[in-house]
Every structure is written in C-alpha cells, then in structure tokens.
PDB file of N, CA and C in Angstrom:
ATOM      1  N   UNK A   1      79.710   9.877  34.587  1.00  0.00           N
ATOM      2  CA  UNK A   1      80.056  11.066  33.839  1.00  0.00           C
ATOM      3  C   UNK A   1      79.957  12.287  34.758  1.00  0.00           C
ATOM      4  N   UNK A   2      81.065  12.974  34.917  1.00  0.00           N
ATOM      5  CA  UNK A   2      81.093  14.148  35.768  1.00  0.00           C
ATOM      6  C   UNK A   2      80.414  15.310  35.060  1.00  0.00           C
ATOM      7  N   UNK A   3      79.537  15.970  35.768  1.00  0.00           N
ATOM      8  CA  UNK A   3      78.909  17.192  35.276  1.00  0.00           C
ATOM      9  C   UNK A   3      79.099  18.293  36.301  1.00  0.00           C
ATOM     10  N   UNK A   4      79.398  19.478  35.792  1.00  0.00           N
ATOM     11  CA  UNK A   4      79.585  20.643  36.647  1.00  0.00           C
ATOM     12  C   UNK A   4      78.572  21.704  36.269  1.00  0.00           C
ATOM     13  N   UNK A   5      77.950  22.298  37.272  1.00  0.00           N
ATOM     14  CA  UNK A   5      76.953  23.331  37.027  1.00  0.00           C
ATOM     15  C   UNK A   5      77.279  24.538  37.884  1.00  0.00           C
ATOM     16  N   UNK A   6      77.554  25.671  37.213  1.00  0.00           N
ATOM     17  CA  UNK A   6      77.858  26.911  37.933  1.00  0.00           C
ATOM     18  C   UNK A   6      76.592  27.731  38.150  1.00  0.00           C
ATOM     19  N   UNK A   7      76.636  28.555  39.163  1.00  0.00           N
ATOM     20  CA  UNK A   7      75.557  29.503  39.416  1.00  0.00           C
ATOM     21  C   UNK A   7      76.104  30.689  40.184  1.00  0.00           C
ATOM     22  N   UNK A   8      75.322  31.755  40.223  1.00  0.00           N
ATOM     23  CA  UNK A   8      75.699  32.895  41.042  1.00  0.00           C
ATOM     24  C   UNK A   8      76.166  34.122  40.286  1.00  0.00           C
ATOM     25  N   UNK A   9      76.264  34.021  38.973  1.00  0.00           N
ATOM     26  CA  UNK A   9      76.698  35.180  38.208  1.00  0.00           C
ATOM     27  C   UNK A   9      75.589  36.207  38.061  1.00  0.00           C
ATOM     28  N   UNK A  10      75.915  37.303  37.396  1.00  0.00           N
ATOM     29  CA  UNK A  10      74.928  38.340  37.165  1.00  0.00           C
ATOM     30  C   UNK A  10      75.583  39.690  36.974  1.00  0.00           C
ATOM     31  N   UNK A  11      74.767  40.719  37.078  1.00  0.00           N
ATOM     32  CA  UNK A  11      75.249  42.091  36.929  1.00  0.00           C
ATOM     33  C   UNK A  11      75.525  42.671  38.318  1.00  0.00           C
ATOM     34  N   UNK A  12      76.737  43.144  38.518  1.00  0.00           N
ATOM     35  CA  UNK A  12      77.110  43.757  39.788  1.00  0.00           C
ATOM     36  C   UNK A  12      77.772  45.100  39.512  1.00  0.00           C
ATOM     37  N   UNK A  13      77.781  45.940  40.508  1.00  0.00           N
ATOM     38  CA  UNK A  13      78.389  47.257  40.365  1.00  0.00           C
ATOM     39  C   UNK A  13      79.853  47.214  40.783  1.00  0.00           C
ATOM     40  N   UNK A  14      80.638  48.108  40.246  1.00  0.00           N
ATOM     41  CA  UNK A  14      82.042  48.181  40.674  1.00  0.00           C
ATOM     42  C   UNK A  14      82.150  48.312  42.192  1.00  0.00           C
ATOM     43  N   UNK A  15      83.063  47.540  42.765  1.00  0.00           N
ATOM     44  CA  UNK A  15      83.236  47.540  44.214  1.00  0.00           C
ATOM     45  C   UNK A  15      82.426  46.479  44.936  1.00  0.00           C
ATOM     46  N   UNK A  16      81.459  45.905  44.227  1.00  0.00           N
ATOM     47  CA  UNK A  16      80.624  44.866  44.830  1.00  0.00           C
ATOM     48  C   UNK A  16      81.359  43.539  44.909  1.00  0.00           C
ATOM     49  N   UNK A  17      80.716  42.587  45.575  1.00  0.00           N
ATOM     50  CA  UNK A  17      81.239  41.226  45.682  1.00  0.00           C
ATOM     51  C   UNK A  17      80.300  40.255  44.976  1.00  0.00           C
ATOM     52  N   UNK A  18      80.839  39.097  44.644  1.00  0.00           N
ATOM     53  CA  UNK A  18      80.029  38.040  44.039  1.00  0.00           C
ATOM     54  C   UNK A  18      80.511  36.698  44.573  1.00  0.00           C
ATOM     55  N   UNK A  19      79.562  35.793  44.742  1.00  0.00           N
ATOM     56  CA  UNK A  19      79.916  34.444  45.171  1.00  0.00           C
ATOM     57  C   UNK A  19      79.365  33.462  44.143  1.00  0.00           C
ATOM     58  N   UNK A  20      80.256  32.783  43.488  1.00  0.00           N
ATOM     59  CA  UNK A  20      79.879  31.791  42.502  1.00  0.00           C
ATOM     60  C   UNK A  20      79.927  30.404  43.130  1.00  0.00           C
ATOM     61  N   UNK A  21      79.017  29.547  42.680  1.00  0.00           N
ATOM     62  CA  UNK A  21      78.972  28.175  43.163  1.00  0.00           C
ATOM     63  C   UNK A  21      79.125  27.213  41.988  1.00  0.00           C
ATOM     64  N   UNK A  22      79.702  26.071  42.264  1.00  0.00           N
ATOM     65  CA  UNK A  22      79.848  25.018  41.261  1.00  0.00           C
ATOM     66  C   UNK A  22      79.466  23.704  41.915  1.00  0.00           C
ATOM     67  N   UNK A  23      78.464  23.059  41.371  1.00  0.00           N
ATOM     68  CA  UNK A  23      78.009  21.773  41.888  1.00  0.00           C
ATOM     69  C   UNK A  23      78.534  20.648  41.004  1.00  0.00           C
ATOM     70  N   UNK A  24      79.021  19.592  41.616  1.00  0.00           N
ATOM     71  CA  UNK A  24      79.519  18.419  40.891  1.00  0.00           C
ATOM     72  C   UNK A  24      78.485  17.310  40.960  1.00  0.00           C
ATOM     73  N   UNK A  25      78.135  16.776  39.806  1.00  0.00           N
ATOM     74  CA  UNK A  25      77.184  15.675  39.707  1.00  0.00           C
ATOM     75  C   UNK A  25      77.857  14.498  39.007  1.00  0.00           C
ATOM     76  N   UNK A  26      77.362  13.307  39.336  1.00  0.00           N
ATOM     77  CA  UNK A  26      77.782  12.135  38.588  1.00  0.00           C
ATOM     78  C   UNK A  26      78.988  11.417  39.127  1.00  0.00           C
ATOM     79  N   UNK A  27      79.534  11.916  40.223  1.00  0.00           N
ATOM     80  CA  UNK A  27      80.704  11.272  40.785  1.00  0.00           C
ATOM     81  C   UNK A  27      80.901  11.741  42.211  1.00  0.00           C
ATOM     82  N   UNK A  28      81.698  10.995  42.914  1.00  0.00           N
ATOM     83  CA  UNK A  28      82.123  11.441  44.226  1.00  0.00           C
ATOM     84  C   UNK A  28      83.034  12.653  44.071  1.00  0.00           C
ATOM     85  N   UNK A  29      83.037  13.480  45.073  1.00  0.00           N
ATOM     86  CA  UNK A  29      83.910  14.656  45.073  1.00  0.00           C
ATOM     87  C   UNK A  29      85.371  14.254  45.234  1.00  0.00           C
ATOM     88  N   UNK A  30      85.560  13.131  45.883  1.00  0.00           N
ATOM     89  CA  UNK A  30      86.910  12.699  46.224  1.00  0.00           C
ATOM     90  C   UNK A  30      87.746  12.418  44.979  1.00  0.00           C
ATOM     91  N   UNK A  31      88.964  12.888  45.002  1.00  0.00           N
ATOM     92  CA  UNK A  31      89.876  12.585  43.918  1.00  0.00           C
ATOM     93  C   UNK A  31      89.966  13.646  42.847  1.00  0.00           C
ATOM     94  N   UNK A  32      89.141  14.679  42.916  1.00  0.00           N
ATOM     95  CA  UNK A  32      89.145  15.709  41.891  1.00  0.00           C
ATOM     96  C   UNK A  32      89.694  17.025  42.422  1.00  0.00           C
ATOM     97  N   UNK A  33      90.700  17.539  41.724  1.00  0.00           N
ATOM     98  CA  UNK A  33      91.093  18.921  41.916  1.00  0.00           C
ATOM     99  C   UNK A  33      90.070  19.788  41.205  1.00  0.00           C
ATOM    100  N   UNK A  34      89.715  20.887  41.843  1.00  0.00           N
ATOM    101  CA  UNK A  34      88.713  21.780  41.276  1.00  0.00           C
ATOM    102  C   UNK A  34      89.340  23.152  41.048  1.00  0.00           C
ATOM    103  N   UNK A  35      88.851  23.839  40.037  1.00  0.00           N
ATOM    104  CA  UNK A  35      89.434  25.139  39.716  1.00  0.00           C
ATOM    105  C   UNK A  35      88.390  26.063  39.119  1.00  0.00           C
ATOM    106  N   UNK A  36      88.724  27.339  39.134  1.00  0.00           N
ATOM    107  CA  UNK A  36      87.931  28.361  38.457  1.00  0.00           C
ATOM    108  C   UNK A  36      88.802  29.055  37.419  1.00  0.00           C
ATOM    109  N   UNK A  37      88.214  29.267  36.262  1.00  0.00           N
ATOM    110  CA  UNK A  37      88.832  30.036  35.187  1.00  0.00           C
ATOM    111  C   UNK A  37      87.833  31.127  34.773  1.00  0.00           C
ATOM    112  N   UNK A  38      88.322  32.073  34.012  1.00  0.00           N
ATOM    113  CA  UNK A  38      87.408  33.035  33.412  1.00  0.00           C
ATOM    114  C   UNK A  38      87.882  33.390  32.006  1.00  0.00           C
ATOM    115  N   UNK A  39      86.916  33.815  31.204  1.00  0.00           N
ATOM    116  CA  UNK A  39      87.222  34.179  29.826  1.00  0.00           C
ATOM    117  C   UNK A  39      86.457  35.422  29.450  1.00  0.00           C
ATOM    118  N   UNK A  40      87.201  36.472  29.154  1.00  0.00           N
ATOM    119  CA  UNK A  40      86.595  37.716  28.700  1.00  0.00           C
ATOM    120  C   UNK A  40      86.427  37.659  27.180  1.00  0.00           C
ATOM    121  N   UNK A  41      85.531  38.467  26.642  1.00  0.00           N
ATOM    122  CA  UNK A  41      85.301  38.453  25.189  1.00  0.00           C
ATOM    123  C   UNK A  41      86.589  38.700  24.400  1.00  0.00           C
ATOM    124  N   UNK A  42      86.855  37.816  23.455  1.00  0.00           N
ATOM    125  CA  UNK A  42      88.025  37.971  22.604  1.00  0.00           C
ATOM    126  C   UNK A  42      89.343  37.608  23.250  1.00  0.00           C
ATOM    127  N   UNK A  43      89.291  37.056  24.454  1.00  0.00           N
ATOM    128  CA  UNK A  43      90.530  36.710  25.164  1.00  0.00           C
ATOM    129  C   UNK A  43      90.554  35.229  25.502  1.00  0.00           C
ATOM    130  N   UNK A  44      91.723  34.726  25.830  1.00  0.00           N
ATOM    131  CA  UNK A  44      91.846  33.323  26.169  1.00  0.00           C
ATOM    132  C   UNK A  44      91.336  33.069  27.586  1.00  0.00           C
ATOM    133  N   UNK A  45      91.022  31.796  27.829  1.00  0.00           N
ATOM    134  CA  UNK A  45      90.567  31.404  29.147  1.00  0.00           C
ATOM    135  C   UNK A  45      91.743  31.415  30.118  1.00  0.00           C
ATOM    136  N   UNK A  46      91.533  32.047  31.283  1.00  0.00           N
ATOM    137  CA  UNK A  46      92.631  32.223  32.232  1.00  0.00           C
ATOM    138  C   UNK A  46      92.331  31.577  33.577  1.00  0.00           C
ATOM    139  N   UNK A  47      93.360  30.981  34.150  1.00  0.00           N
ATOM    140  CA  UNK A  47      93.279  30.365  35.465  1.00  0.00           C
ATOM    141  C   UNK A  47      93.124  31.422  36.543  1.00  0.00           C
ATOM    142  N   UNK A  48      92.234  31.148  37.503  1.00  0.00           N
ATOM    143  CA  UNK A  48      92.060  32.031  38.650  1.00  0.00           C
ATOM    144  C   UNK A  48      92.507  31.367  39.950  1.00  0.00           C
ATOM    145  N   UNK A  49      91.962  30.173  40.215  1.00  0.00           N
ATOM    146  CA  UNK A  49      92.212  29.543  41.499  1.00  0.00           C
ATOM    147  C   UNK A  49      91.930  28.055  41.408  1.00  0.00           C
ATOM    148  N   UNK A  50      92.598  27.289  42.265  1.00  0.00           N
ATOM    149  CA  UNK A  50      92.387  25.853  42.337  1.00  0.00           C
ATOM    150  C   UNK A  50      92.408  25.406  43.782  1.00  0.00           C
ATOM    151  N   UNK A  51      91.734  24.283  44.032  1.00  0.00           N
ATOM    152  CA  UNK A  51      91.735  23.677  45.358  1.00  0.00           C
ATOM    153  C   UNK A  51      91.957  22.183  45.171  1.00  0.00           C
ATOM    154  N   UNK A  52      92.923  21.627  45.893  1.00  0.00           N
ATOM    155  CA  UNK A  52      93.290  20.235  45.685  1.00  0.00           C
ATOM    156  C   UNK A  52      92.369  19.290  46.426  1.00  0.00           C
ATOM    157  N   UNK A  53      92.260  18.070  45.878  1.00  0.00           N
ATOM    158  CA  UNK A  53      91.288  17.134  46.409  1.00  0.00           C
ATOM    159  C   UNK A  53      91.705  16.570  47.761  1.00  0.00           C
ATOM    160  N   UNK A  54      92.999  16.396  47.977  1.00  0.00           N
ATOM    161  CA  UNK A  54      93.424  15.686  49.177  1.00  0.00           C
ATOM    162  C   UNK A  54      93.535  16.620  50.393  1.00  0.00           C
ATOM    163  N   UNK A  55      94.364  17.613  50.287  1.00  0.00           N
ATOM    164  CA  UNK A  55      94.586  18.482  51.443  1.00  0.00           C
ATOM    165  C   UNK A  55      93.679  19.708  51.466  1.00  0.00           C
ATOM    166  N   UNK A  56      93.042  19.988  50.325  1.00  0.00           N
ATOM    167  CA  UNK A  56      92.237  21.200  50.264  1.00  0.00           C
ATOM    168  C   UNK A  56      93.066  22.468  50.193  1.00  0.00           C
ATOM    169  N   UNK A  57      94.326  22.332  49.821  1.00  0.00           N
ATOM    170  CA  UNK A  57      95.160  23.524  49.704  1.00  0.00           C
ATOM    171  C   UNK A  57      94.723  24.342  48.496  1.00  0.00           C
ATOM    172  N   UNK A  58      94.900  25.630  48.595  1.00  0.00           N
ATOM    173  CA  UNK A  58      94.432  26.544  47.556  1.00  0.00           C
ATOM    174  C   UNK A  58      95.594  27.230  46.843  1.00  0.00           C
ATOM    175  N   UNK A  59      95.360  27.535  45.582  1.00  0.00           N
ATOM    176  CA  UNK A  59      96.388  28.166  44.758  1.00  0.00           C
ATOM    177  C   UNK A  59      95.709  29.215  43.888  1.00  0.00           C
ATOM    178  N   UNK A  60      96.387  30.352  43.698  1.00  0.00           N
ATOM    179  CA  UNK A  60      95.788  31.462  42.987  1.00  0.00           C
ATOM    180  C   UNK A  60      96.720  32.024  41.923  1.00  0.00           C
ATOM    181  N   UNK A  61      96.105  32.527  40.871  1.00  0.00           N
ATOM    182  CA  UNK A  61      96.880  33.323  39.934  1.00  0.00           C
ATOM    183  C   UNK A  61      97.335  34.591  40.648  1.00  0.00           C
ATOM    184  N   UNK A  62      98.540  35.030  40.365  1.00  0.00           N
ATOM    185  CA  UNK A  62      99.070  36.214  41.040  1.00  0.00           C
ATOM    186  C   UNK A  62      98.159  37.422  40.868  1.00  0.00           C
ATOM    187  N   UNK A  63      97.518  37.499  39.710  1.00  0.00           N
ATOM    188  CA  UNK A  63      96.706  38.671  39.393  1.00  0.00           C
ATOM    189  C   UNK A  63      95.457  38.783  40.243  1.00  0.00           C
ATOM    190  N   UNK A  64      95.034  37.700  40.897  1.00  0.00           N
ATOM    191  CA  UNK A  64      93.791  37.740  41.672  1.00  0.00           C
ATOM    192  C   UNK A  64      93.988  37.426  43.140  1.00  0.00           C
ATOM    193  N   UNK A  65      95.212  37.237  43.561  1.00  0.00           N
ATOM    194  CA  UNK A  65      95.476  36.973  44.974  1.00  0.00           C
ATOM    195  C   UNK A  65      94.982  38.137  45.823  1.00  0.00           C
ATOM    196  N   UNK A  66      94.264  37.790  46.862  1.00  0.00           N
ATOM    197  CA  UNK A  66      93.720  38.802  47.739  1.00  0.00           C
ATOM    198  C   UNK A  66      92.360  39.332  47.312  1.00  0.00           C
ATOM    199  N   UNK A  67      91.980  39.058  46.051  1.00  0.00           N
ATOM    200  CA  UNK A  67      90.681  39.519  45.574  1.00  0.00           C
ATOM    201  C   UNK A  67      89.667  38.375  45.486  1.00  0.00           C
ATOM    202  N   UNK A  68      90.150  37.189  45.125  1.00  0.00           N
ATOM    203  CA  UNK A  68      89.278  36.024  44.978  1.00  0.00           C
ATOM    204  C   UNK A  68      89.687  34.951  45.977  1.00  0.00           C
ATOM    205  N   UNK A  69      88.682  34.192  46.441  1.00  0.00           N
ATOM    206  CA  UNK A  69      88.911  33.098  47.368  1.00  0.00           C
ATOM    207  C   UNK A  69      88.145  31.873  46.905  1.00  0.00           C
ATOM    208  N   UNK A  70      88.849  30.749  46.796  1.00  0.00           N
ATOM    209  CA  UNK A  70      88.206  29.489  46.436  1.00  0.00           C
ATOM    210  C   UNK A  70      88.022  28.665  47.705  1.00  0.00           C
ATOM    211  N   UNK A  71      86.890  27.986  47.791  1.00  0.00           N
ATOM    212  CA  UNK A  71      86.627  27.133  48.945  1.00  0.00           C
ATOM    213  C   UNK A  71      85.708  25.999  48.491  1.00  0.00           C
ATOM    214  N   UNK A  72      85.504  25.049  49.382  1.00  0.00           N
ATOM    215  CA  UNK A  72      84.651  23.925  49.003  1.00  0.00           C
ATOM    216  C   UNK A  72      83.863  23.422  50.200  1.00  0.00           C
ATOM    217  N   UNK A  73      82.755  22.748  49.888  1.00  0.00           N
ATOM    218  CA  UNK A  73      81.964  22.008  50.861  1.00  0.00           C
ATOM    219  C   UNK A  73      81.899  20.584  50.323  1.00  0.00           C
ATOM    220  N   UNK A  74      82.764  19.728  50.815  1.00  0.00           N
ATOM    221  CA  UNK A  74      82.872  18.378  50.256  1.00  0.00           C
ATOM    222  C   UNK A  74      81.595  17.576  50.462  1.00  0.00           C
ATOM    223  N   UNK A  75      80.941  17.767  51.581  1.00  0.00           N
ATOM    224  CA  UNK A  75      79.716  17.013  51.861  1.00  0.00           C
ATOM    225  C   UNK A  75      78.629  17.334  50.840  1.00  0.00           C
ATOM    226  N   UNK A  76      78.585  18.585  50.394  1.00  0.00           N
ATOM    227  CA  UNK A  76      77.571  19.009  49.427  1.00  0.00           C
ATOM    228  C   UNK A  76      78.088  18.959  47.989  1.00  0.00           C
ATOM    229  N   UNK A  77      79.357  18.615  47.827  1.00  0.00           N
ATOM    230  CA  UNK A  77      79.986  18.584  46.502  1.00  0.00           C
ATOM    231  C   UNK A  77      79.851  19.934  45.803  1.00  0.00           C
ATOM    232  N   UNK A  78      80.211  20.974  46.540  1.00  0.00           N
ATOM    233  CA  UNK A  78      80.158  22.330  46.019  1.00  0.00           C
ATOM    234  C   UNK A  78      81.522  22.988  46.139  1.00  0.00           C
ATOM    235  N   UNK A  79      81.855  23.780  45.139  1.00  0.00           N
ATOM    236  CA  UNK A  79      83.047  24.624  45.163  1.00  0.00           C
ATOM    237  C   UNK A  79      82.586  26.061  44.965  1.00  0.00           C
ATOM    238  N   UNK A  80      83.191  26.959  45.700  1.00  0.00           N
ATOM    239  CA  UNK A  80      82.792  28.357  45.648  1.00  0.00           C
ATOM    240  C   UNK A  80      83.958  29.228  45.167  1.00  0.00           C
ATOM    241  N   UNK A  81      83.591  30.352  44.593  1.00  0.00           N
ATOM    242  CA  UNK A  81      84.576  31.391  44.279  1.00  0.00           C
ATOM    243  C   UNK A  81      83.991  32.711  44.762  1.00  0.00           C
ATOM    244  N   UNK A  82      84.626  33.281  45.755  1.00  0.00           N
ATOM    245  CA  UNK A  82      84.216  34.579  46.289  1.00  0.00           C
ATOM    246  C   UNK A  82      85.101  35.645  45.667  1.00  0.00           C
ATOM    247  N   UNK A  83      84.499  36.628  45.063  1.00  0.00           N
ATOM    248  CA  UNK A  83      85.239  37.728  44.468  1.00  0.00           C
ATOM    249  C   UNK A  83      84.821  39.031  45.125  1.00  0.00           C
ATOM    250  N   UNK A  84      85.798  39.831  45.527  1.00  0.00           N
ATOM    251  CA  UNK A  84      85.527  41.105  46.212  1.00  0.00           C
ATOM    252  C   UNK A  84      86.109  42.273  45.420  1.00  0.00           C
ATOM    253  N   UNK A  85      85.612  43.452  45.733  1.00  0.00           N
ATOM    254  CA  UNK A  85      86.104  44.687  45.096  1.00  0.00           C
ATOM    255  C   UNK A  85      86.181  44.541  43.584  1.00  0.00           C
ATOM    256  N   UNK A  86      85.089  44.097  43.013  1.00  0.00           N
ATOM    257  CA  UNK A  86      85.072  43.809  41.588  1.00  0.00           C
ATOM    258  C   UNK A  86      85.207  45.075  40.748  1.00  0.00           C
ATOM    259  N   UNK A  87      85.889  44.917  39.631  1.00  0.00           N
ATOM    260  CA  UNK A  87      86.135  46.008  38.704  1.00  0.00           C
ATOM    261  C   UNK A  87      85.563  45.648  37.340  1.00  0.00           C
ATOM    262  N   UNK A  88      85.345  46.628  36.490  1.00  0.00           N
ATOM    263  CA  UNK A  88      84.820  46.302  35.148  1.00  0.00           C
ATOM    264  C   UNK A  88      85.682  45.278  34.409  1.00  0.00           C
ATOM    265  N   UNK A  89      86.971  45.278  34.635  1.00  0.00           N
ATOM    266  CA  UNK A  89      87.832  44.304  33.959  1.00  0.00           C
ATOM    267  C   UNK A  89      87.672  42.890  34.484  1.00  0.00           C
ATOM    268  N   UNK A  90      86.894  42.704  35.542  1.00  0.00           N
ATOM    269  CA  UNK A  90      86.559  41.358  36.012  1.00  0.00           C
ATOM    270  C   UNK A  90      85.379  40.774  35.251  1.00  0.00           C
ATOM    271  N   UNK A  91      84.805  41.553  34.369  1.00  0.00           N
ATOM    272  CA  UNK A  91      83.700  41.064  33.543  1.00  0.00           C
ATOM    273  C   UNK A  91      84.172  39.932  32.648  1.00  0.00           C
ATOM    274  N   UNK A  92      83.486  38.798  32.751  1.00  0.00           N
ATOM    275  CA  UNK A  92      83.885  37.610  32.002  1.00  0.00           C
ATOM    276  C   UNK A  92      82.865  36.502  32.239  1.00  0.00           C
ATOM    277  N   UNK A  93      82.996  35.444  31.476  1.00  0.00           N
ATOM    278  CA  UNK A  93      82.307  34.205  31.788  1.00  0.00           C
ATOM    279  C   UNK A  93      83.227  33.405  32.704  1.00  0.00           C
ATOM    280  N   UNK A  94      82.697  32.992  33.834  1.00  0.00           N
ATOM    281  CA  UNK A  94      83.472  32.255  34.826  1.00  0.00           C
ATOM    282  C   UNK A  94      83.121  30.774  34.720  1.00  0.00           C
ATOM    283  N   UNK A  95      84.156  29.951  34.631  1.00  0.00           N
ATOM    284  CA  UNK A  95      83.993  28.513  34.445  1.00  0.00           C
ATOM    285  C   UNK A  95      84.573  27.739  35.624  1.00  0.00           C
ATOM    286  N   UNK A  96      83.861  26.699  35.986  1.00  0.00           N
ATOM    287  CA  UNK A  96      84.338  25.730  36.961  1.00  0.00           C
ATOM    288  C   UNK A  96      84.918  24.549  36.192  1.00  0.00           C
ATOM    289  N   UNK A  97      85.981  23.964  36.720  1.00  0.00           N
ATOM    290  CA  UNK A  97      86.625  22.834  36.053  1.00  0.00           C
ATOM    291  C   UNK A  97      87.067  21.804  37.083  1.00  0.00           C
ATOM    292  N   UNK A  98      87.165  20.549  36.631  1.00  0.00           N
ATOM    293  CA  UNK A  98      87.585  19.460  37.508  1.00  0.00           C
ATOM    294  C   UNK A  98      88.506  18.520  36.752  1.00  0.00           C
ATOM    295  N   UNK A  99      89.411  17.917  37.483  1.00  0.00           N
ATOM    296  CA  UNK A  99      90.297  16.919  36.895  1.00  0.00           C
ATOM    297  C   UNK A  99      90.761  15.979  37.990  1.00  0.00           C
ATOM    298  N   UNK A 100      91.039  14.718  37.650  1.00  0.00           N
ATOM    299  CA  UNK A 100      91.604  13.823  38.666  1.00  0.00           C
ATOM    300  C   UNK A 100      92.858  14.441  39.261  1.00  0.00           C
ATOM    301  N   UNK A 101      92.890  14.515  40.575  1.00  0.00           N
ATOM    302  CA  UNK A 101      93.946  15.260  41.233  1.00  0.00           C
ATOM    303  C   UNK A 101      95.278  14.537  41.276  1.00  0.00           C
ATOM    304  N   UNK A 102      96.318  15.337  41.405  1.00  0.00           N
ATOM    305  CA  UNK A 102      97.672  14.845  41.582  1.00  0.00           C
ATOM    306  C   UNK A 102      98.215  15.411  42.884  1.00  0.00           C
ATOM    307  N   UNK A 103      98.905  14.588  43.628  1.00  0.00           N
ATOM    308  CA  UNK A 103      99.491  15.096  44.862  1.00  0.00           C
ATOM    309  C   UNK A 103     100.821  15.793  44.607  1.00  0.00           C
ATOM    310  N   UNK A 104     101.240  15.824  43.342  1.00  0.00           N
ATOM    311  CA  UNK A 104     102.557  16.359  43.022  1.00  0.00           C
ATOM    312  C   UNK A 104     102.499  17.770  42.443  1.00  0.00           C
ATOM    313  N   UNK A 105     101.449  18.065  41.697  1.00  0.00           N
ATOM    314  CA  UNK A 105     101.381  19.360  41.032  1.00  0.00           C
ATOM    315  C   UNK A 105      99.986  19.937  41.157  1.00  0.00           C
ATOM    316  N   UNK A 106      99.903  21.233  40.958  1.00  0.00           N
ATOM    317  CA  UNK A 106      98.615  21.919  40.863  1.00  0.00           C
ATOM    318  C   UNK A 106      98.453  22.330  39.410  1.00  0.00           C
ATOM    319  N   UNK A 107      97.340  21.976  38.841  1.00  0.00           N
ATOM    320  CA  UNK A 107      97.103  22.257  37.432  1.00  0.00           C
ATOM    321  C   UNK A 107      96.533  23.660  37.253  1.00  0.00           C
ATOM    322  N   UNK A 108      97.126  24.412  36.334  1.00  0.00           N
ATOM    323  CA  UNK A 108      96.680  25.777  36.099  1.00  0.00           C
ATOM    324  C   UNK A 108      96.360  26.059  34.635  1.00  0.00           C
ATOM    325  N   UNK A 109      96.532  25.072  33.782  1.00  0.00           N
ATOM    326  CA  UNK A 109      96.252  25.263  32.361  1.00  0.00           C
ATOM    327  C   UNK A 109      94.899  24.665  32.015  1.00  0.00           C
ATOM    328  N   UNK A 110      94.117  25.335  31.158  1.00  0.00           N
ATOM    329  CA  UNK A 110      92.810  24.788  30.795  1.00  0.00           C
ATOM    330  C   UNK A 110      92.906  23.377  30.220  1.00  0.00           C
ATOM    331  N   UNK A 111      93.948  23.090  29.465  1.00  0.00           N
ATOM    332  CA  UNK A 111      94.094  21.783  28.843  1.00  0.00           C
ATOM    333  C   UNK A 111      94.311  20.651  29.824  1.00  0.00           C
ATOM    334  N   UNK A 112      94.602  20.991  31.070  1.00  0.00           N
ATOM    335  CA  UNK A 112      94.849  19.967  32.087  1.00  0.00           C
ATOM    336  C   UNK A 112      93.582  19.562  32.825  1.00  0.00           C
ATOM    337  N   UNK A 113      92.486  20.195  32.501  1.00  0.00           N
ATOM    338  CA  UNK A 113      91.216  19.893  33.160  1.00  0.00           C
ATOM    339  C   UNK A 113      90.305  19.130  32.213  1.00  0.00           C
ATOM    340  N   UNK A 114      89.710  18.063  32.738  1.00  0.00           N
ATOM    341  CA  UNK A 114      88.916  17.150  31.912  1.00  0.00           C
ATOM    342  C   UNK A 114      87.444  17.542  31.827  1.00  0.00           C
ATOM    343  N   UNK A 115      86.951  18.205  32.844  1.00  0.00           N
ATOM    344  CA  UNK A 115      85.515  18.479  32.920  1.00  0.00           C
ATOM    345  C   UNK A 115      85.292  19.968  33.152  1.00  0.00           C
ATOM    346  N   UNK A 116      84.251  20.474  32.480  1.00  0.00           N
ATOM    347  CA  UNK A 116      83.946  21.905  32.526  1.00  0.00           C
ATOM    348  C   UNK A 116      82.457  22.128  32.702  1.00  0.00           C
ATOM    349  N   UNK A 117      82.145  23.186  33.417  1.00  0.00           N
ATOM    350  CA  UNK A 117      80.767  23.634  33.470  1.00  0.00           C
ATOM    351  C   UNK A 117      80.440  24.486  32.253  1.00  0.00           C
ATOM    352  N   UNK A 118      79.199  24.938  32.196  1.00  0.00           N
ATOM    353  CA  UNK A 118      78.747  25.717  31.048  1.00  0.00           C
ATOM    354  C   UNK A 118      79.137  27.192  31.167  1.00  0.00           C
ATOM    355  N   UNK A 119      79.570  27.591  32.352  1.00  0.00           N
ATOM    356  CA  UNK A 119      79.972  28.968  32.578  1.00  0.00           C
ATOM    357  C   UNK A 119      78.842  29.829  33.116  1.00  0.00           C
ATOM    358  N   UNK A 120      79.220  30.841  33.869  1.00  0.00           N
ATOM    359  CA  UNK A 120      78.252  31.805  34.377  1.00  0.00           C
ATOM    360  C   UNK A 120      78.810  33.207  34.135  1.00  0.00           C
ATOM    361  N   UNK A 121      77.983  34.075  33.581  1.00  0.00           N
ATOM    362  CA  UNK A 121      78.426  35.418  33.218  1.00  0.00           C
ATOM    363  C   UNK A 121      78.431  36.322  34.438  1.00  0.00           C
ATOM    364  N   UNK A 122      79.539  37.017  34.618  1.00  0.00           N
ATOM    365  CA  UNK A 122      79.630  38.079  35.621  1.00  0.00           C
ATOM    366  C   UNK A 122      79.939  39.371  34.879  1.00  0.00           C
ATOM    367  N   UNK A 123      79.061  40.338  35.036  1.00  0.00           N
ATOM    368  CA  UNK A 123      79.245  41.640  34.406  1.00  0.00           C
ATOM    369  C   UNK A 123      79.358  42.693  35.500  1.00  0.00           C
ATOM    370  N   UNK A 124      80.456  43.420  35.472  1.00  0.00           N
ATOM    371  CA  UNK A 124      80.698  44.466  36.456  1.00  0.00           C
ATOM    372  C   UNK A 124      80.544  45.810  35.761  1.00  0.00           C
ATOM    373  N   UNK A 125      79.476  46.501  36.082  1.00  0.00           N
ATOM    374  CA  UNK A 125      79.175  47.754  35.398  1.00  0.00           C
ATOM    375  C   UNK A 125      78.262  48.608  36.262  1.00  0.00           C
ATOM    376  N   UNK A 126      78.437  49.899  36.135  1.00  0.00           N
ATOM    377  CA  UNK A 126      77.548  50.830  36.831  1.00  0.00           C
ATOM    378  C   UNK A 126      76.400  51.245  35.921  1.00  0.00           C
TER     379      UNK A 126
END
C-alpha cells in the first residue's frame, strides 16, 4: 500500500520561498509518476507540477512555470516542490500525489492519481 507524507509547509511572508517534501512509503519509487497539486479554500484542487518515473522529465501548469520547481531523490524516495517569490494567492493546502506512470502521457488531473498525501498547509501572509 503506497503512502505519501508531505512536510515543509507553514507560514511564510510574501516574497519568501518554501520547499515542500513528499516521502513515499510502502513501495518502490520505480514506476510511479509523482505530482504536486494545491487547493485553496472553496476552490478545486489544481495541478502544479509532475515528474515522470522513467526519464524524470518535468511538467508544469502554465500558471506556475518559473515559480515552482519539482525534483526528486529516487534513492531516498522523496519528491520536492520548491516555490519562490510566494504571493498571498499561493496560500493553499499542497498535496503530493502518485500514480503508476505512463510513457505516453503526463497526468495533470486529480482523478488520474491513485495515491494522495494528507496535504501540508502553506500560508503566505505578512
């Protein structure tokens, strides 16, 4: 049973950076595409970034390109999300997700991911 555990959220000031981590338990890292989503209060969960299991290629939502970076440490079974120049509108619960990877497509919809972490709150406020 795959389990995902996020960490690294908290209260940050506008303009600050944050680095979120997601640890995968219960399975090998191999074969899983990993992604980050976020959900603000009263809004739907939105795709931010994904990293594929085979080549490690990265994909981003247009709205966060250049602001967020996804990366991984396969040996430690960790996925990271680095966010820079944070704004109050980046305030949300950030979720890590995993799904058996496909070499043909990159999944960007929440319904395409089988496993989810519990989420970590990031609040951007002065």
